[in-house]
Amino acid sequence: MVDQHAVPGEPLRTVALLADKASRLVQSVAVPSLVQLVMRVALAVPFWRSGILKWNGFLKLSDTAVTLFTDEFMLHLPGGPYHYPIPAVIAFMSGCGEITFPVLLVLGFATRFAGLGLLFMTAIVELTVPDGWPIHITWAAMALGIMAWGPGRVSVDYWIREAVFGTRKC
């Protein structure tokens, strides 16, 4: 902790005091629960947007989704790239995950599980579109942050934990 009173003639102490005050101001804006909520929404948006494009109705995949997984998306593994073995099944699973996990994240329900699901999907996306790594790494970082620190106070998980266990940790 920096001394509360800067002494004239001690410029280093004055600079340290100003830096400490500025740091506290910035920290007061970045309240952990707000950061956790924003991170959940930020990770949910790109997956949701991709997911809604895969459906023509309730549990009805679009032809485009199946075509993408048949003709375009390939796993880039050593000795590859390889086409997916069962494109319609993979497209269906991907579409379900891209709709379900973002909803769970925004609600803050089963949040760590949803973060893990989107981390797994991010890894698969990276293997199919390796040139997209600058975006994929930000998705992975957000998913890992959500998995590590949880959903925060603005979440169903927090309220359930509070109701069941009477504990404020989430």
C-alpha atoms as a PDB file:
ATOM      1  CA  MET A   1       0.000   0.000   0.000  1.00  0.00           C
ATOM      2  CA  VAL A   2       1.302   3.420  -0.929  1.00  0.00           C
ATOM      3  CA  ASP A   3       1.585   6.139   1.726  1.00  0.00           C
ATOM      4  CA  GLN A   4      -1.476   8.420   1.580  1.00  0.00           C
ATOM      5  CA  HIS A   5       0.502  11.652   1.672  1.00  0.00           C
ATOM      6  CA  ALA A   6       3.014  12.596  -0.976  1.00  0.00           C
ATOM      7  CA  VAL A   7       6.000  14.423   0.385  1.00  0.00           C
ATOM      8  CA  PRO A   8       7.219  17.354  -1.714  1.00  0.00           C
ATOM      9  CA  GLY A   9      10.636  16.603  -3.090  1.00  0.00           C
ATOM     10  CA  GLU A  10       9.967  12.875  -3.352  1.00  0.00           C
ATOM     11  CA  PRO A  11       8.785  12.551  -6.949  1.00  0.00           C
ATOM     12  CA  LEU A  12       8.907   8.752  -6.942  1.00  0.00           C
ATOM     13  CA  ARG A  13       6.485   8.566  -4.009  1.00  0.00           C
ATOM     14  CA  THR A  14       4.187  11.099  -5.713  1.00  0.00           C
ATOM     15  CA  VAL A  15       4.167   9.098  -8.940  1.00  0.00           C
ATOM     16  CA  ALA A  16       3.506   5.873  -6.989  1.00  0.00           C
ATOM     17  CA  LEU A  17       0.585   7.519  -5.172  1.00  0.00           C
ATOM     18  CA  LEU A  18      -0.944   8.753  -8.432  1.00  0.00           C
ATOM     19  CA  ALA A  19      -0.461   5.346 -10.050  1.00  0.00           C
ATOM     20  CA  ASP A  20      -2.134   3.648  -7.080  1.00  0.00           C
ATOM     21  CA  LYS A  21      -5.132   6.000  -7.255  1.00  0.00           C
ATOM     22  CA  ALA A  22      -5.448   5.501 -11.018  1.00  0.00           C
ATOM     23  CA  SER A  23      -5.250   1.736 -10.568  1.00  0.00           C
ATOM     24  CA  ARG A  24      -8.034   1.800  -7.977  1.00  0.00           C
ATOM     25  CA  LEU A  25     -10.204   3.894 -10.283  1.00  0.00           C
ATOM     26  CA  VAL A  26      -9.744   1.443 -13.161  1.00  0.00           C
ATOM     27  CA  GLN A  27     -10.376  -1.497 -10.841  1.00  0.00           C
ATOM     28  CA  SER A  28     -13.631   0.062  -9.610  1.00  0.00           C
ATOM     29  CA  VAL A  29     -14.935   0.043 -13.204  1.00  0.00           C
ATOM     30  CA  ALA A  30     -13.960  -3.598 -13.793  1.00  0.00           C
ATOM     31  CA  VAL A  31     -16.144  -5.152 -11.094  1.00  0.00           C
ATOM     32  CA  PRO A  32     -15.617  -8.945 -11.254  1.00  0.00           C
ATOM     33  CA  SER A  33     -19.320  -9.810 -11.654  1.00  0.00           C
ATOM     34  CA  LEU A  34     -19.643  -7.346 -14.534  1.00  0.00           C
ATOM     35  CA  VAL A  35     -16.510  -8.716 -16.187  1.00  0.00           C
ATOM     36  CA  GLN A  36     -17.802 -12.290 -15.846  1.00  0.00           C
ATOM     37  CA  LEU A  37     -21.172 -11.337 -17.362  1.00  0.00           C
ATOM     38  CA  VAL A  38     -19.579  -9.478 -20.266  1.00  0.00           C
ATOM     39  CA  MET A  39     -17.192 -12.379 -20.917  1.00  0.00           C
ATOM     40  CA  ARG A  40     -20.094 -14.858 -20.979  1.00  0.00           C
ATOM     41  CA  VAL A  41     -22.066 -12.740 -23.447  1.00  0.00           C
ATOM     42  CA  ALA A  42     -19.000 -12.026 -25.600  1.00  0.00           C
ATOM     43  CA  LEU A  43     -18.265 -15.734 -25.960  1.00  0.00           C
ATOM     44  CA  ALA A  44     -21.919 -16.617 -26.561  1.00  0.00           C
ATOM     45  CA  VAL A  45     -22.506 -14.184 -29.446  1.00  0.00           C
ATOM     46  CA  PRO A  46     -20.288 -15.660 -32.211  1.00  0.00           C
ATOM     47  CA  PHE A  47     -21.398 -19.214 -31.490  1.00  0.00           C
ATOM     48  CA  TRP A  48     -25.098 -18.232 -31.359  1.00  0.00           C
ATOM     49  CA  ARG A  49     -24.816 -16.327 -34.652  1.00  0.00           C
ATOM     50  CA  SER A  50     -23.172 -19.315 -36.297  1.00  0.00           C
ATOM     51  CA  GLY A  51     -25.685 -21.716 -34.767  1.00  0.00           C
ATOM     52  CA  ILE A  52     -28.839 -19.973 -35.945  1.00  0.00           C
ATOM     53  CA  LEU A  53     -27.565 -20.121 -39.527  1.00  0.00           C
ATOM     54  CA  LYS A  54     -27.507 -23.918 -39.377  1.00  0.00           C
ATOM     55  CA  TRP A  55     -31.256 -24.370 -38.779  1.00  0.00           C
ATOM     56  CA  ASN A  56     -34.383 -24.046 -40.934  1.00  0.00           C
ATOM     57  CA  GLY A  57     -36.727 -24.908 -38.100  1.00  0.00           C
ATOM     58  CA  PHE A  58     -36.930 -26.879 -34.889  1.00  0.00           C
ATOM     59  CA  LEU A  59     -34.325 -29.680 -35.185  1.00  0.00           C
ATOM     60  CA  LYS A  60     -34.258 -29.231 -38.979  1.00  0.00           C
ATOM     61  CA  LEU A  61     -30.782 -28.568 -40.332  1.00  0.00           C
ATOM     62  CA  SER A  62     -30.362 -26.309 -43.317  1.00  0.00           C
ATOM     63  CA  ASP A  63     -28.967 -27.843 -46.495  1.00  0.00           C
ATOM     64  CA  THR A  64     -26.139 -25.308 -46.303  1.00  0.00           C
ATOM     65  CA  ALA A  65     -25.026 -26.633 -42.918  1.00  0.00           C
ATOM     66  CA  VAL A  66     -24.765 -30.200 -44.163  1.00  0.00           C
ATOM     67  CA  THR A  67     -22.996 -29.040 -47.348  1.00  0.00           C
ATOM     68  CA  LEU A  68     -20.452 -27.074 -45.300  1.00  0.00           C
ATOM     69  CA  PHE A  69     -19.595 -30.128 -43.239  1.00  0.00           C
ATOM     70  CA  THR A  70     -19.548 -32.340 -46.356  1.00  0.00           C
ATOM     71  CA  ASP A  71     -17.516 -30.181 -48.729  1.00  0.00           C
ATOM     72  CA  GLU A  72     -15.805 -27.355 -46.865  1.00  0.00           C
ATOM     73  CA  PHE A  73     -14.869 -28.146 -43.294  1.00  0.00           C
ATOM     74  CA  MET A  74     -11.917 -30.473 -42.998  1.00  0.00           C
ATOM     75  CA  LEU A  75      -9.856 -31.438 -39.989  1.00  0.00           C
ATOM     76  CA  HIS A  76      -6.270 -30.285 -40.424  1.00  0.00           C
ATOM     77  CA  LEU A  77      -4.360 -33.003 -38.643  1.00  0.00           C
ATOM     78  CA  PRO A  78      -0.954 -34.508 -39.426  1.00  0.00           C
ATOM     79  CA  GLY A  79      -1.341 -36.427 -42.675  1.00  0.00           C
ATOM     80  CA  GLY A  80      -4.603 -34.528 -43.431  1.00  0.00           C
ATOM     81  CA  PRO A  81      -6.705 -32.539 -44.069  1.00  0.00           C
ATOM     82  CA  TYR A  82      -9.517 -35.030 -43.548  1.00  0.00           C
ATOM     83  CA  HIS A  83     -13.211 -34.669 -44.295  1.00  0.00           C
ATOM     84  CA  TYR A  84     -15.611 -35.401 -41.454  1.00  0.00           C
ATOM     85  CA  PRO A  85     -16.724 -39.032 -41.569  1.00  0.00           C
ATOM     86  CA  ILE A  86     -20.446 -38.372 -41.015  1.00  0.00           C
ATOM     87  CA  PRO A  87     -21.189 -34.778 -42.065  1.00  0.00           C
ATOM     88  CA  ALA A  88     -24.913 -34.672 -41.184  1.00  0.00           C
ATOM     89  CA  VAL A  89     -24.337 -35.989 -37.663  1.00  0.00           C
ATOM     90  CA  ILE A  90     -21.439 -33.613 -37.040  1.00  0.00           C
ATOM     91  CA  ALA A  91     -23.443 -30.678 -38.457  1.00  0.00           C
ATOM     92  CA  PHE A  92     -26.373 -31.571 -36.184  1.00  0.00           C
ATOM     93  CA  MET A  93     -24.157 -31.840 -33.079  1.00  0.00           C
ATOM     94  CA  SER A  94     -22.387 -28.613 -33.941  1.00  0.00           C
ATOM     95  CA  GLY A  95     -25.665 -26.784 -34.516  1.00  0.00           C
ATOM     96  CA  CYS A  96     -27.076 -28.041 -31.221  1.00  0.00           C
ATOM     97  CA  GLY A  97     -23.963 -26.968 -29.319  1.00  0.00           C
ATOM     98  CA  GLU A  98     -23.878 -23.563 -30.996  1.00  0.00           C
ATOM     99  CA  ILE A  99     -27.442 -22.892 -29.834  1.00  0.00           C
ATOM    100  CA  THR A 100     -27.468 -24.588 -26.423  1.00  0.00           C
ATOM    101  CA  PHE A 101     -24.103 -23.509 -24.972  1.00  0.00           C
ATOM    102  CA  PRO A 102     -24.592 -19.761 -25.675  1.00  0.00           C
ATOM    103  CA  VAL A 103     -28.046 -19.815 -24.056  1.00  0.00           C
ATOM    104  CA  LEU A 104     -26.570 -21.521 -20.988  1.00  0.00           C
ATOM    105  CA  LEU A 105     -23.757 -18.951 -20.871  1.00  0.00           C
ATOM    106  CA  VAL A 106     -26.034 -15.930 -21.091  1.00  0.00           C
ATOM    107  CA  LEU A 107     -28.300 -17.324 -18.378  1.00  0.00           C
ATOM    108  CA  GLY A 108     -25.314 -18.354 -16.293  1.00  0.00           C
ATOM    109  CA  PHE A 109     -26.703 -21.862 -15.919  1.00  0.00           C
ATOM    110  CA  ALA A 110     -24.322 -24.855 -16.009  1.00  0.00           C
ATOM    111  CA  THR A 111     -21.846 -22.155 -16.943  1.00  0.00           C
ATOM    112  CA  ARG A 112     -18.583 -24.011 -16.499  1.00  0.00           C
ATOM    113  CA  PHE A 113     -19.976 -26.946 -18.495  1.00  0.00           C
ATOM    114  CA  ALA A 114     -21.041 -24.561 -21.290  1.00  0.00           C
ATOM    115  CA  GLY A 115     -17.584 -22.968 -21.234  1.00  0.00           C
ATOM    116  CA  LEU A 116     -15.988 -26.409 -21.562  1.00  0.00           C
ATOM    117  CA  GLY A 117     -18.316 -27.248 -24.466  1.00  0.00           C
ATOM    118  CA  LEU A 118     -17.396 -24.061 -26.302  1.00  0.00           C
ATOM    119  CA  LEU A 119     -13.704 -24.597 -25.582  1.00  0.00           C
ATOM    120  CA  PHE A 120     -13.989 -28.047 -27.182  1.00  0.00           C
ATOM    121  CA  MET A 121     -15.871 -26.566 -30.149  1.00  0.00           C
ATOM    122  CA  THR A 122     -13.224 -23.850 -30.468  1.00  0.00           C
ATOM    123  CA  ALA A 123     -10.528 -26.528 -30.682  1.00  0.00           C
ATOM    124  CA  ILE A 124     -12.459 -28.289 -33.453  1.00  0.00           C
ATOM    125  CA  VAL A 125     -13.023 -24.993 -35.274  1.00  0.00           C
ATOM    126  CA  GLU A 126      -9.283 -24.303 -35.047  1.00  0.00           C
ATOM    127  CA  LEU A 127      -8.550 -27.714 -36.574  1.00  0.00           C
ATOM    128  CA  THR A 128     -10.939 -27.021 -39.457  1.00  0.00           C
ATOM    129  CA  VAL A 129     -10.024 -23.359 -40.017  1.00  0.00           C
ATOM    130  CA  PRO A 130      -6.423 -22.996 -38.818  1.00  0.00           C
ATOM    131  CA  ASP A 131      -5.992 -19.496 -40.270  1.00  0.00           C
ATOM    132  CA  GLY A 132      -8.592 -18.193 -37.819  1.00  0.00           C
ATOM    133  CA  TRP A 133      -6.358 -18.653 -34.780  1.00  0.00           C
ATOM    134  CA  PRO A 134      -6.278 -14.951 -33.775  1.00  0.00           C
ATOM    135  CA  ILE A 135     -10.027 -15.086 -33.105  1.00  0.00           C
ATOM    136  CA  HIS A 136     -10.063 -18.665 -31.877  1.00  0.00           C
ATOM    137  CA  ILE A 137      -7.482 -17.919 -29.194  1.00  0.00           C
ATOM    138  CA  THR A 138      -9.686 -15.141 -27.802  1.00  0.00           C
ATOM    139  CA  TRP A 139     -12.626 -17.573 -27.671  1.00  0.00           C
ATOM    140  CA  ALA A 140     -10.419 -20.117 -25.902  1.00  0.00           C
ATOM    141  CA  ALA A 141      -9.223 -17.480 -23.412  1.00  0.00           C
ATOM    142  CA  MET A 142     -12.798 -16.448 -22.604  1.00  0.00           C
ATOM    143  CA  ALA A 143     -13.925 -20.075 -22.234  1.00  0.00           C
ATOM    144  CA  LEU A 144     -10.992 -20.822 -19.925  1.00  0.00           C
ATOM    145  CA  GLY A 145     -11.720 -17.695 -17.865  1.00  0.00           C
ATOM    146  CA  ILE A 146     -15.350 -18.725 -17.488  1.00  0.00           C
ATOM    147  CA  MET A 147     -14.335 -22.247 -16.522  1.00  0.00           C
ATOM    148  CA  ALA A 148     -11.763 -20.976 -14.005  1.00  0.00           C
ATOM    149  CA  TRP A 149     -13.686 -18.131 -12.330  1.00  0.00           C
ATOM    150  CA  GLY A 150     -17.271 -19.201 -12.916  1.00  0.00           C
ATOM    151  CA  PRO A 151     -20.277 -17.161 -13.950  1.00  0.00           C
ATOM    152  CA  GLY A 152     -20.234 -14.480 -11.249  1.00  0.00           C
ATOM    153  CA  ARG A 153     -23.121 -13.117  -9.194  1.00  0.00           C
ATOM    154  CA  VAL A 154     -25.339 -12.260 -12.150  1.00  0.00           C
ATOM    155  CA  SER A 155     -26.165 -15.883 -12.973  1.00  0.00           C
ATOM    156  CA  VAL A 156     -28.607 -18.672 -12.315  1.00  0.00           C
ATOM    157  CA  ASP A 157     -25.712 -20.796 -11.010  1.00  0.00           C
ATOM    158  CA  TYR A 158     -24.989 -18.200  -8.320  1.00  0.00           C
ATOM    159  CA  TRP A 159     -28.624 -17.961  -7.251  1.00  0.00           C
ATOM    160  CA  ILE A 160     -29.014 -21.739  -7.119  1.00  0.00           C
ATOM    161  CA  ARG A 161     -25.826 -22.124  -5.115  1.00  0.00           C
ATOM    162  CA  GLU A 162     -26.963 -19.370  -2.763  1.00  0.00           C
ATOM    163  CA  ALA A 163     -30.388 -21.012  -2.292  1.00  0.00           C
ATOM    164  CA  VAL A 164     -29.088 -24.552  -1.814  1.00  0.00           C
ATOM    165  CA  PHE A 165     -25.822 -24.070   0.037  1.00  0.00           C
ATOM    166  CA  GLY A 166     -26.149 -20.543   1.402  1.00  0.00           C
ATOM    167  CA  THR A 167     -22.697 -19.823   0.096  1.00  0.00           C
ATOM    168  CA  ARG A 168     -21.749 -16.841  -2.019  1.00  0.00           C
ATOM    169  CA  LYS A 169     -18.909 -18.464  -3.916  1.00  0.00           C
ATOM    170  CA  CYS A 170     -19.507 -19.138  -7.616  1.00  0.00           C
END
